[in-house]
Every structure is written in C-alpha cells, then in structure tokens.
Amino acid sequence: MNGDLLQELYRHARELDVNRCDAMSLSGWLHGYLSLYTAVRVYPWLEKDLDGVTALHERVRAIGRRLQRLAGEEDLPAATRARHVADLLDAYQLYIEVGFVDTGLEMAHELLTVPGSDRLVLPCRTPDVCRLLCQCHYFTGDDAFIAPARGLVTEALGVSYRWQGEELLEWWKAFQLYDSVMGFLAVEPGERERFEGELQRLAVNVDRVEREMVERFTPGVPGNGIADEARVFEILAGQLLRNCNEDEGKRI
C-alpha cells in the first residue's frame, strides 16, 4: 500500500469544499473516508498520521449532506440519482443522522416503484440499483427486495468477464454489500458454492485493476482529474483498512 500517496491525497481531501467538488467524485471520497474512520476507530495509533474519529465523522457528515441534496434532484438521470441515493445510505454506516436514512429510503422508493403504487420496478440495471435494493432490505426488512437484487446479481455475473476498470470496481462494491446484507438469502439453495467461487475469481481481477489504477496515477499530472483522485483515495484507504485487519489477525 502506497502510504505516501494516501497521505498526499488525504491532505487534499481535507482541503476540498465538498459543496463545490464534482458530484460524481463524492462516492470515492465518501468510501475512502468510511474506510479511514473504521481504521482509526479500531486501530487508534493511526491517529498520528490521520485525524481523529471526530474529524473523520464530521467529514462524512458534510459529504452526506451534499448527497442528501443531490438525491432530491428529480431531473437527474436515474443511474446518477441511484448512485447518490445509495451513497447517502452508505453514509449512515457511522450512525450520523437518521435523516440520511429517511431521505435515502424516500428517494429509493421514488426510483424503485411505479408512481402511485408499491410495485417494484428497476429504473436501470446498474450496480448502484443493486446496492439500493440491498440497502432497502437492510433498513426496512422487506423481503420484496431480495428477488430483484438476486436477479440483478445473477445477470451481472453472467457478463462479468467483459468488465474492465470502473465497471468492475462498482459491481464488486455491489456484490460485497449484497453478500453482507442478504447472507444466505443472496442465492438460490445449492448455488452458494458457485457464488463464492465467482467472488473469488472476481477478487483477483479487482486486485489487478486497483493496482493498475494506483500505478498509473500521479498527482498534479494533466489527465488525472478529481474523479481519479477520489477513486485512488478510496482504493488506498480500503487497502489500509484491510492491511491493518490482516496484521491484527496474524497477531491473534
């Protein structure tokens, strides 16, 4: 894990005005901060290189408030709005504001149902819609979200060999949430072994894509925009958390 690069991106992240930065980069900044918050909370010695949990918590809150506003913009394309709503619900991982959940579920209902009814309909077949279905099941306990989520994942796995770069990473995020939230509901009986095998296969490709993205990235070089910074920040923060967990596991 490139610690120096993470530190540089983290310094930049602290200086960002989240109310003015590119809306589609918010997802990367958010998930990077979520990983750092978890890492610092579990491994307090990381505070010497990062802010404390309170500062990280407030940064996620600020991003969440921006996402809350974006989620309400009805003129956005369904795929874009689905990402903002799914990220808003992710922000509640830190139990920041119950309003994030209220707004997120309200917007999810608008996106996922036929107007004037509760009949589920998918506005698009993206990994963010898959995440929304999982989150709605998690927060409401409604089993009606299980079958469409399972259908999206089954369909996506059938074409996963085509994925490169961003598409692979976004579906990987959806699969991880799907498996975590749905558990053994995630697949039909008897298909659990196949599903886990597919995840193991994809994990190899995800590691490769993340490594290549980090290796290609050089701060300040033309062509590396704010979206690239946010993605690499998310990757490196996630790697820091995983490395700490692995090191701790070796000591137990």
C-alpha atoms as a PDB file:
ATOM      1  CA  MET A   1       0.000   0.000   0.000  1.00  0.00           C
ATOM      2  CA  ASN A   2       1.379   3.372  -1.065  1.00  0.00           C
ATOM      3  CA  GLY A   3       1.296   5.242   2.259  1.00  0.00           C
ATOM      4  CA  ASP A   4       2.909   8.430   0.937  1.00  0.00           C
ATOM      5  CA  LEU A   5       0.356   8.739  -1.852  1.00  0.00           C
ATOM      6  CA  LEU A   6      -2.509   8.110   0.567  1.00  0.00           C
ATOM      7  CA  GLN A   7      -1.168  10.844   2.839  1.00  0.00           C
ATOM      8  CA  GLU A   8      -0.953  13.277  -0.088  1.00  0.00           C
ATOM      9  CA  LEU A   9      -4.480  12.512  -1.239  1.00  0.00           C
ATOM     10  CA  TYR A  10      -5.744  12.718   2.329  1.00  0.00           C
ATOM     11  CA  ARG A  11      -4.289  16.200   2.708  1.00  0.00           C
ATOM     12  CA  HIS A  12      -6.046  17.207  -0.487  1.00  0.00           C
ATOM     13  CA  ALA A  13      -9.293  15.616   0.679  1.00  0.00           C
ATOM     14  CA  ARG A  14      -9.243  17.695   3.866  1.00  0.00           C
ATOM     15  CA  GLU A  15      -8.971  20.880   1.789  1.00  0.00           C
ATOM     16  CA  LEU A  16     -11.810  20.033  -0.589  1.00  0.00           C
ATOM     17  CA  ASP A  17     -15.007  22.037  -0.469  1.00  0.00           C
ATOM     18  CA  VAL A  18     -17.453  19.148  -0.775  1.00  0.00           C
ATOM     19  CA  ASN A  19     -20.212  21.563  -1.744  1.00  0.00           C
ATOM     20  CA  ARG A  20     -18.312  22.580  -4.857  1.00  0.00           C
ATOM     21  CA  CYS A  21     -16.392  19.480  -5.942  1.00  0.00           C
ATOM     22  CA  ASP A  22     -17.548  17.292  -8.824  1.00  0.00           C
ATOM     23  CA  ALA A  23     -20.683  15.459  -7.706  1.00  0.00           C
ATOM     24  CA  MET A  24     -19.693  12.113  -9.215  1.00  0.00           C
ATOM     25  CA  SER A  25     -16.384  12.118  -7.311  1.00  0.00           C
ATOM     26  CA  LEU A  26     -18.241  12.215  -3.978  1.00  0.00           C
ATOM     27  CA  SER A  27     -18.647   8.441  -3.953  1.00  0.00           C
ATOM     28  CA  GLY A  28     -14.883   7.885  -3.921  1.00  0.00           C
ATOM     29  CA  TRP A  29     -14.236  10.500  -1.236  1.00  0.00           C
ATOM     30  CA  LEU A  30     -17.086   9.116   0.888  1.00  0.00           C
ATOM     31  CA  HIS A  31     -15.999   5.487   0.791  1.00  0.00           C
ATOM     32  CA  GLY A  32     -12.376   6.451   1.358  1.00  0.00           C
ATOM     33  CA  TYR A  33     -13.375   8.365   4.476  1.00  0.00           C
ATOM     34  CA  LEU A  34     -15.573   5.491   5.671  1.00  0.00           C
ATOM     35  CA  SER A  35     -12.567   3.142   5.470  1.00  0.00           C
ATOM     36  CA  LEU A  36     -10.314   5.617   7.287  1.00  0.00           C
ATOM     37  CA  TYR A  37     -12.892   6.180  10.016  1.00  0.00           C
ATOM     38  CA  THR A  38     -13.188   2.440  10.632  1.00  0.00           C
ATOM     39  CA  ALA A  39      -9.400   2.025  10.603  1.00  0.00           C
ATOM     40  CA  VAL A  40      -8.795   4.829  13.122  1.00  0.00           C
ATOM     41  CA  ARG A  41     -11.613   3.684  15.368  1.00  0.00           C
ATOM     42  CA  VAL A  42     -10.326   0.109  15.503  1.00  0.00           C
ATOM     43  CA  TYR A  43      -6.606   0.991  15.426  1.00  0.00           C
ATOM     44  CA  PRO A  44      -6.233   4.297  17.368  1.00  0.00           C
ATOM     45  CA  TRP A  45      -2.489   4.539  16.704  1.00  0.00           C
ATOM     46  CA  LEU A  46      -3.339   5.598  13.140  1.00  0.00           C
ATOM     47  CA  GLU A  47      -4.380   8.992  14.527  1.00  0.00           C
ATOM     48  CA  LYS A  48      -0.733  10.094  14.390  1.00  0.00           C
ATOM     49  CA  ASP A  49      -0.992  10.084  10.577  1.00  0.00           C
ATOM     50  CA  LEU A  50      -4.718  10.799  10.233  1.00  0.00           C
ATOM     51  CA  ASP A  51      -7.293  12.918  12.025  1.00  0.00           C
ATOM     52  CA  GLY A  52      -9.212  11.501  14.975  1.00  0.00           C
ATOM     53  CA  VAL A  53     -12.582   9.817  14.652  1.00  0.00           C
ATOM     54  CA  THR A  54     -14.473  13.046  15.401  1.00  0.00           C
ATOM     55  CA  ALA A  55     -12.919  14.932  12.484  1.00  0.00           C
ATOM     56  CA  LEU A  56     -13.414  11.972  10.127  1.00  0.00           C
ATOM     57  CA  HIS A  57     -17.004  11.609  11.330  1.00  0.00           C
ATOM     58  CA  GLU A  58     -17.731  15.264  10.582  1.00  0.00           C
ATOM     59  CA  ARG A  59     -16.209  14.968   7.117  1.00  0.00           C
ATOM     60  CA  VAL A  60     -18.526  12.077   6.278  1.00  0.00           C
ATOM     61  CA  ARG A  61     -21.420  14.133   7.648  1.00  0.00           C
ATOM     62  CA  ALA A  62     -20.536  17.012   5.288  1.00  0.00           C
ATOM     63  CA  ILE A  63     -20.397  14.683   2.271  1.00  0.00           C
ATOM     64  CA  GLY A  64     -23.674  13.092   3.363  1.00  0.00           C
ATOM     65  CA  ARG A  65     -25.420  16.453   3.491  1.00  0.00           C
ATOM     66  CA  ARG A  66     -24.302  17.214  -0.064  1.00  0.00           C
ATOM     67  CA  LEU A  67     -25.538  13.799  -1.185  1.00  0.00           C
ATOM     68  CA  GLN A  68     -28.832  14.419   0.571  1.00  0.00           C
ATOM     69  CA  ARG A  69     -29.380  17.495  -1.571  1.00  0.00           C
ATOM     70  CA  LEU A  70     -28.311  15.725  -4.760  1.00  0.00           C
ATOM     71  CA  ALA A  71     -30.600  12.769  -4.051  1.00  0.00           C
ATOM     72  CA  GLY A  72     -33.587  15.095  -4.207  1.00  0.00           C
ATOM     73  CA  GLU A  73     -32.818  16.404  -7.699  1.00  0.00           C
ATOM     74  CA  GLU A  74     -35.531  14.698  -9.715  1.00  0.00           C
ATOM     75  CA  ASP A  75     -34.196  15.896 -13.078  1.00  0.00           C
ATOM     76  CA  LEU A  76     -31.016  13.822 -12.759  1.00  0.00           C
ATOM     77  CA  PRO A  77     -30.728  10.622 -14.853  1.00  0.00           C
ATOM     78  CA  ALA A  78     -31.941   7.591 -12.908  1.00  0.00           C
ATOM     79  CA  ALA A  79     -28.477   5.972 -12.884  1.00  0.00           C
ATOM     80  CA  THR A  80     -26.856   9.108 -11.456  1.00  0.00           C
ATOM     81  CA  ARG A  81     -29.534   9.610  -8.853  1.00  0.00           C
ATOM     82  CA  ALA A  82     -29.356   5.938  -7.830  1.00  0.00           C
ATOM     83  CA  ARG A  83     -25.646   6.356  -7.093  1.00  0.00           C
ATOM     84  CA  HIS A  84     -26.234   9.440  -4.942  1.00  0.00           C
ATOM     85  CA  VAL A  85     -29.044   7.744  -3.001  1.00  0.00           C
ATOM     86  CA  ALA A  86     -27.034   4.549  -2.457  1.00  0.00           C
ATOM     87  CA  ASP A  87     -24.050   6.596  -1.255  1.00  0.00           C
ATOM     88  CA  LEU A  88     -26.286   8.607   1.062  1.00  0.00           C
ATOM     89  CA  LEU A  89     -27.489   5.398   2.698  1.00  0.00           C
ATOM     90  CA  ASP A  90     -23.870   4.212   2.941  1.00  0.00           C
ATOM     91  CA  ALA A  91     -23.026   7.404   4.846  1.00  0.00           C
ATOM     92  CA  TYR A  92     -25.298   6.224   7.647  1.00  0.00           C
ATOM     93  CA  GLN A  93     -22.785   3.470   8.440  1.00  0.00           C
ATOM     94  CA  LEU A  94     -21.422   5.911  11.040  1.00  0.00           C
ATOM     95  CA  TYR A  95     -24.898   6.473  12.535  1.00  0.00           C
ATOM     96  CA  ILE A  96     -24.550  10.139  11.681  1.00  0.00           C
ATOM     97  CA  GLU A  97     -28.056  11.384  11.010  1.00  0.00           C
ATOM     98  CA  VAL A  98     -31.241   9.364  10.817  1.00  0.00           C
ATOM     99  CA  GLY A  99     -32.336  11.950   8.250  1.00  0.00           C
ATOM    100  CA  PHE A 100     -29.902  10.366   5.803  1.00  0.00           C
ATOM    101  CA  VAL A 101     -31.861   7.130   6.030  1.00  0.00           C
ATOM    102  CA  ASP A 102     -35.248   8.849   5.850  1.00  0.00           C
ATOM    103  CA  THR A 103     -34.254  10.821   2.760  1.00  0.00           C
ATOM    104  CA  GLY A 104     -32.466   7.866   1.178  1.00  0.00           C
ATOM    105  CA  LEU A 105     -35.408   5.498   1.595  1.00  0.00           C
ATOM    106  CA  GLU A 106     -37.849   8.109   0.327  1.00  0.00           C
ATOM    107  CA  MET A 107     -35.766   8.701  -2.792  1.00  0.00           C
ATOM    108  CA  ALA A 108     -35.184   4.962  -3.245  1.00  0.00           C
ATOM    109  CA  HIS A 109     -38.951   4.416  -3.170  1.00  0.00           C
ATOM    110  CA  GLU A 110     -39.369   7.007  -5.919  1.00  0.00           C
ATOM    111  CA  LEU A 111     -36.717   5.311  -8.037  1.00  0.00           C
ATOM    112  CA  LEU A 112     -37.739   1.706  -7.451  1.00  0.00           C
ATOM    113  CA  THR A 113     -41.531   1.782  -7.580  1.00  0.00           C
ATOM    114  CA  VAL A 114     -44.255   2.573 -10.065  1.00  0.00           C
ATOM    115  CA  PRO A 115     -45.703   6.038  -9.296  1.00  0.00           C
ATOM    116  CA  GLY A 116     -48.766   5.716  -7.090  1.00  0.00           C
ATOM    117  CA  SER A 117     -48.071   2.126  -6.071  1.00  0.00           C
ATOM    118  CA  ASP A 118     -45.592  -0.054  -4.193  1.00  0.00           C
ATOM    119  CA  ARG A 119     -44.848  -2.338  -7.158  1.00  0.00           C
ATOM    120  CA  LEU A 120     -41.086  -2.630  -7.629  1.00  0.00           C
ATOM    121  CA  VAL A 121     -39.556  -1.640 -10.953  1.00  0.00           C
ATOM    122  CA  LEU A 122     -35.901  -1.174 -11.797  1.00  0.00           C
ATOM    123  CA  PRO A 123     -35.139   2.208 -13.414  1.00  0.00           C
ATOM    124  CA  CYS A 124     -31.861   0.813 -14.765  1.00  0.00           C
ATOM    125  CA  ARG A 125     -29.735  -2.272 -14.208  1.00  0.00           C
ATOM    126  CA  THR A 126     -26.655  -0.768 -12.600  1.00  0.00           C
ATOM    127  CA  PRO A 127     -24.582  -1.795  -9.586  1.00  0.00           C
ATOM    128  CA  ASP A 128     -25.954   1.230  -7.720  1.00  0.00           C
ATOM    129  CA  VAL A 129     -29.517  -0.026  -8.167  1.00  0.00           C
ATOM    130  CA  CYS A 130     -28.340  -3.384  -6.815  1.00  0.00           C
ATOM    131  CA  ARG A 131     -26.892  -1.555  -3.810  1.00  0.00           C
ATOM    132  CA  LEU A 132     -30.181   0.298  -3.320  1.00  0.00           C
ATOM    133  CA  LEU A 133     -32.163  -2.944  -3.266  1.00  0.00           C
ATOM    134  CA  CYS A 134     -29.808  -4.371  -0.645  1.00  0.00           C
ATOM    135  CA  GLN A 135     -29.959  -1.226   1.478  1.00  0.00           C
ATOM    136  CA  CYS A 136     -33.747  -1.077   1.320  1.00  0.00           C
ATOM    137  CA  HIS A 137     -33.915  -4.689   2.515  1.00  0.00           C
ATOM    138  CA  TYR A 138     -31.433  -3.904   5.301  1.00  0.00           C
ATOM    139  CA  PHE A 139     -33.216  -0.809   6.597  1.00  0.00           C
ATOM    140  CA  THR A 140     -36.808  -1.997   6.165  1.00  0.00           C
ATOM    141  CA  GLY A 141     -36.560  -5.778   6.481  1.00  0.00           C
ATOM    142  CA  ASP A 142     -38.864  -6.099   3.465  1.00  0.00           C
ATOM    143  CA  ASP A 143     -38.150  -9.375   1.643  1.00  0.00           C
ATOM    144  CA  ALA A 144     -39.640  -7.973  -1.570  1.00  0.00           C
ATOM    145  CA  PHE A 145     -36.210  -6.509  -2.387  1.00  0.00           C
ATOM    146  CA  ILE A 146     -34.432  -9.882  -2.297  1.00  0.00           C
ATOM    147  CA  ALA A 147     -35.611 -11.382  -5.596  1.00  0.00           C
ATOM    148  CA  PRO A 148     -34.845  -8.356  -7.809  1.00  0.00           C
ATOM    149  CA  ALA A 149     -31.435  -7.973  -6.175  1.00  0.00           C
ATOM    150  CA  ARG A 150     -30.721 -11.655  -6.745  1.00  0.00           C
ATOM    151  CA  GLY A 151     -31.831 -11.325 -10.352  1.00  0.00           C
ATOM    152  CA  LEU A 152     -29.509  -8.373 -10.968  1.00  0.00           C
ATOM    153  CA  VAL A 153     -26.542 -10.197  -9.450  1.00  0.00           C
ATOM    154  CA  THR A 154     -27.198 -13.383 -11.407  1.00  0.00           C
ATOM    155  CA  GLU A 155     -27.490 -11.374 -14.616  1.00  0.00           C
ATOM    156  CA  ALA A 156     -24.352  -9.376 -13.841  1.00  0.00           C
ATOM    157  CA  LEU A 157     -22.255 -12.435 -13.066  1.00  0.00           C
ATOM    158  CA  GLY A 158     -23.185 -13.808 -16.473  1.00  0.00           C
ATOM    159  CA  VAL A 159     -21.416 -10.913 -18.202  1.00  0.00           C
ATOM    160  CA  SER A 160     -18.705 -10.228 -15.611  1.00  0.00           C
ATOM    161  CA  TYR A 161     -15.989 -11.454 -17.980  1.00  0.00           C
ATOM    162  CA  ARG A 162     -16.490  -8.267 -20.008  1.00  0.00           C
ATOM    163  CA  TRP A 163     -15.857  -5.840 -17.182  1.00  0.00           C
ATOM    164  CA  GLN A 164     -12.854  -3.575 -17.030  1.00  0.00           C
ATOM    165  CA  GLY A 165     -11.837  -0.756 -14.733  1.00  0.00           C
ATOM    166  CA  GLU A 166     -14.617   1.292 -13.163  1.00  0.00           C
ATOM    167  CA  GLU A 167     -17.420  -1.104 -14.085  1.00  0.00           C
ATOM    168  CA  LEU A 168     -15.664  -3.992 -12.366  1.00  0.00           C
ATOM    169  CA  LEU A 169     -14.994  -1.992  -9.193  1.00  0.00           C
ATOM    170  CA  GLU A 170     -18.551  -0.703  -8.964  1.00  0.00           C
ATOM    171  CA  TRP A 171     -20.066  -4.170  -9.370  1.00  0.00           C
ATOM    172  CA  TRP A 172     -17.573  -5.533  -6.859  1.00  0.00           C
ATOM    173  CA  LYS A 173     -18.841  -2.982  -4.321  1.00  0.00           C
ATOM    174  CA  ALA A 174     -22.411  -4.068  -5.066  1.00  0.00           C
ATOM    175  CA  PHE A 175     -21.581  -7.774  -4.719  1.00  0.00           C
ATOM    176  CA  GLN A 176     -19.886  -7.247  -1.365  1.00  0.00           C
ATOM    177  CA  LEU A 177     -22.872  -5.364   0.011  1.00  0.00           C
ATOM    178  CA  TYR A 178     -25.248  -7.916  -1.462  1.00  0.00           C
ATOM    179  CA  ASP A 179     -23.429 -10.807   0.192  1.00  0.00           C
ATOM    180  CA  SER A 180     -23.140  -8.953   3.502  1.00  0.00           C
ATOM    181  CA  VAL A 181     -26.777  -7.872   3.703  1.00  0.00           C
ATOM    182  CA  MET A 182     -28.553 -10.817   2.120  1.00  0.00           C
ATOM    183  CA  GLY A 183     -26.365 -13.564   3.538  1.00  0.00           C
ATOM    184  CA  PHE A 184     -27.692 -16.980   2.609  1.00  0.00           C
ATOM    185  CA  LEU A 185     -30.712 -15.288   1.048  1.00  0.00           C
ATOM    186  CA  ALA A 186     -28.333 -13.971  -1.606  1.00  0.00           C
ATOM    187  CA  VAL A 187     -28.515 -17.048  -3.807  1.00  0.00           C
ATOM    188  CA  GLU A 188     -30.878 -19.889  -4.555  1.00  0.00           C
ATOM    189  CA  PRO A 189     -30.411 -23.057  -2.469  1.00  0.00           C
ATOM    190  CA  GLY A 190     -27.441 -25.064  -3.710  1.00  0.00           C
ATOM    191  CA  GLU A 191     -25.819 -22.115  -5.501  1.00  0.00           C
ATOM    192  CA  ARG A 192     -23.844 -20.721  -2.575  1.00  0.00           C
ATOM    193  CA  GLU A 193     -20.631 -22.506  -3.571  1.00  0.00           C
ATOM    194  CA  ARG A 194     -20.879 -21.185  -7.139  1.00  0.00           C
ATOM    195  CA  PHE A 195     -21.493 -17.649  -5.902  1.00  0.00           C
ATOM    196  CA  GLU A 196     -18.479 -17.744  -3.581  1.00  0.00           C
ATOM    197  CA  GLY A 197     -16.350 -19.136  -6.398  1.00  0.00           C
ATOM    198  CA  GLU A 198     -17.366 -16.245  -8.653  1.00  0.00           C
ATOM    199  CA  LEU A 199     -16.451 -13.753  -5.928  1.00  0.00           C
ATOM    200  CA  GLN A 200     -13.020 -15.336  -5.520  1.00  0.00           C
ATOM    201  CA  ARG A 201     -12.437 -15.140  -9.266  1.00  0.00           C
ATOM    202  CA  LEU A 202     -13.503 -11.514  -9.404  1.00  0.00           C
ATOM    203  CA  ALA A 203     -11.370 -10.624  -6.372  1.00  0.00           C
ATOM    204  CA  VAL A 204      -8.241 -11.445  -8.385  1.00  0.00           C
ATOM    205  CA  ASN A 205      -9.323  -9.103 -11.165  1.00  0.00           C
ATOM    206  CA  VAL A 206     -10.291  -6.391  -8.695  1.00  0.00           C
ATOM    207  CA  ASP A 207      -6.827  -6.508  -7.098  1.00  0.00           C
ATOM    208  CA  ARG A 208      -5.224  -6.210 -10.527  1.00  0.00           C
ATOM    209  CA  VAL A 209      -7.415  -3.280 -11.637  1.00  0.00           C
ATOM    210  CA  GLU A 210      -6.854  -1.407  -8.370  1.00  0.00           C
ATOM    211  CA  ARG A 211      -3.093  -1.911  -8.603  1.00  0.00           C
ATOM    212  CA  GLU A 212      -3.026  -0.639 -12.182  1.00  0.00           C
ATOM    213  CA  MET A 213      -5.122   2.424 -11.292  1.00  0.00           C
ATOM    214  CA  VAL A 214      -2.772   3.347  -8.454  1.00  0.00           C
ATOM    215  CA  GLU A 215       0.339   2.761 -10.585  1.00  0.00           C
ATOM    216  CA  ARG A 216      -0.990   4.977 -13.394  1.00  0.00           C
ATOM    217  CA  PHE A 217      -1.918   7.804 -11.056  1.00  0.00           C
ATOM    218  CA  THR A 218       0.442  10.723 -10.455  1.00  0.00           C
ATOM    219  CA  PRO A 219      -0.933  13.725  -8.508  1.00  0.00           C
ATOM    220  CA  GLY A 220      -0.915  17.000 -10.393  1.00  0.00           C
ATOM    221  CA  VAL A 221      -0.297  15.423 -13.803  1.00  0.00           C
ATOM    222  CA  PRO A 222      -2.708  16.519 -16.575  1.00  0.00           C
ATOM    223  CA  GLY A 223      -5.243  13.800 -17.218  1.00  0.00           C
ATOM    224  CA  ASN A 224      -5.574  12.880 -13.552  1.00  0.00           C
ATOM    225  CA  GLY A 225      -8.757  14.692 -12.593  1.00  0.00           C
ATOM    226  CA  ILE A 226     -10.724  14.928  -9.360  1.00  0.00           C
ATOM    227  CA  ALA A 227     -12.572  11.682 -10.149  1.00  0.00           C
ATOM    228  CA  ASP A 228      -9.238   9.846 -10.493  1.00  0.00           C
ATOM    229  CA  GLU A 229      -8.042  11.296  -7.177  1.00  0.00           C
ATOM    230  CA  ALA A 230     -11.236  10.225  -5.446  1.00  0.00           C
ATOM    231  CA  ARG A 231     -11.027   6.691  -6.852  1.00  0.00           C
ATOM    232  CA  VAL A 232      -7.376   6.210  -5.857  1.00  0.00           C
ATOM    233  CA  PHE A 233      -8.112   7.679  -2.414  1.00  0.00           C
ATOM    234  CA  GLU A 234     -10.924   5.131  -1.996  1.00  0.00           C
ATOM    235  CA  ILE A 235      -8.668   2.276  -3.131  1.00  0.00           C
ATOM    236  CA  LEU A 236      -5.744   3.184  -0.854  1.00  0.00           C
ATOM    237  CA  ALA A 237      -7.944   3.847   2.186  1.00  0.00           C
ATOM    238  CA  GLY A 238      -9.596   0.460   1.681  1.00  0.00           C
ATOM    239  CA  GLN A 239      -6.206  -1.215   1.380  1.00  0.00           C
ATOM    240  CA  LEU A 240      -5.039   0.453   4.600  1.00  0.00           C
ATOM    241  CA  LEU A 241      -8.030  -0.940   6.471  1.00  0.00           C
ATOM    242  CA  ARG A 242      -7.593  -4.435   5.018  1.00  0.00           C
ATOM    243  CA  ASN A 243      -3.860  -4.453   5.778  1.00  0.00           C
ATOM    244  CA  CYS A 244      -4.492  -3.440   9.387  1.00  0.00           C
ATOM    245  CA  ASN A 245      -7.117  -6.161   9.754  1.00  0.00           C
ATOM    246  CA  GLU A 246      -4.757  -8.761   8.276  1.00  0.00           C
ATOM    247  CA  ASP A 247      -1.874  -7.702  10.522  1.00  0.00           C
ATOM    248  CA  GLU A 248      -4.129  -7.831  13.579  1.00  0.00           C
ATOM    249  CA  GLY A 249      -5.387 -11.251  12.559  1.00  0.00           C
ATOM    250  CA  LYS A 250      -1.832 -12.581  12.392  1.00  0.00           C
ATOM    251  CA  ARG A 251      -1.216 -11.472  15.991  1.00  0.00           C
ATOM    252  CA  ILE A 252      -4.306 -13.194  17.367  1.00  0.00           C
END
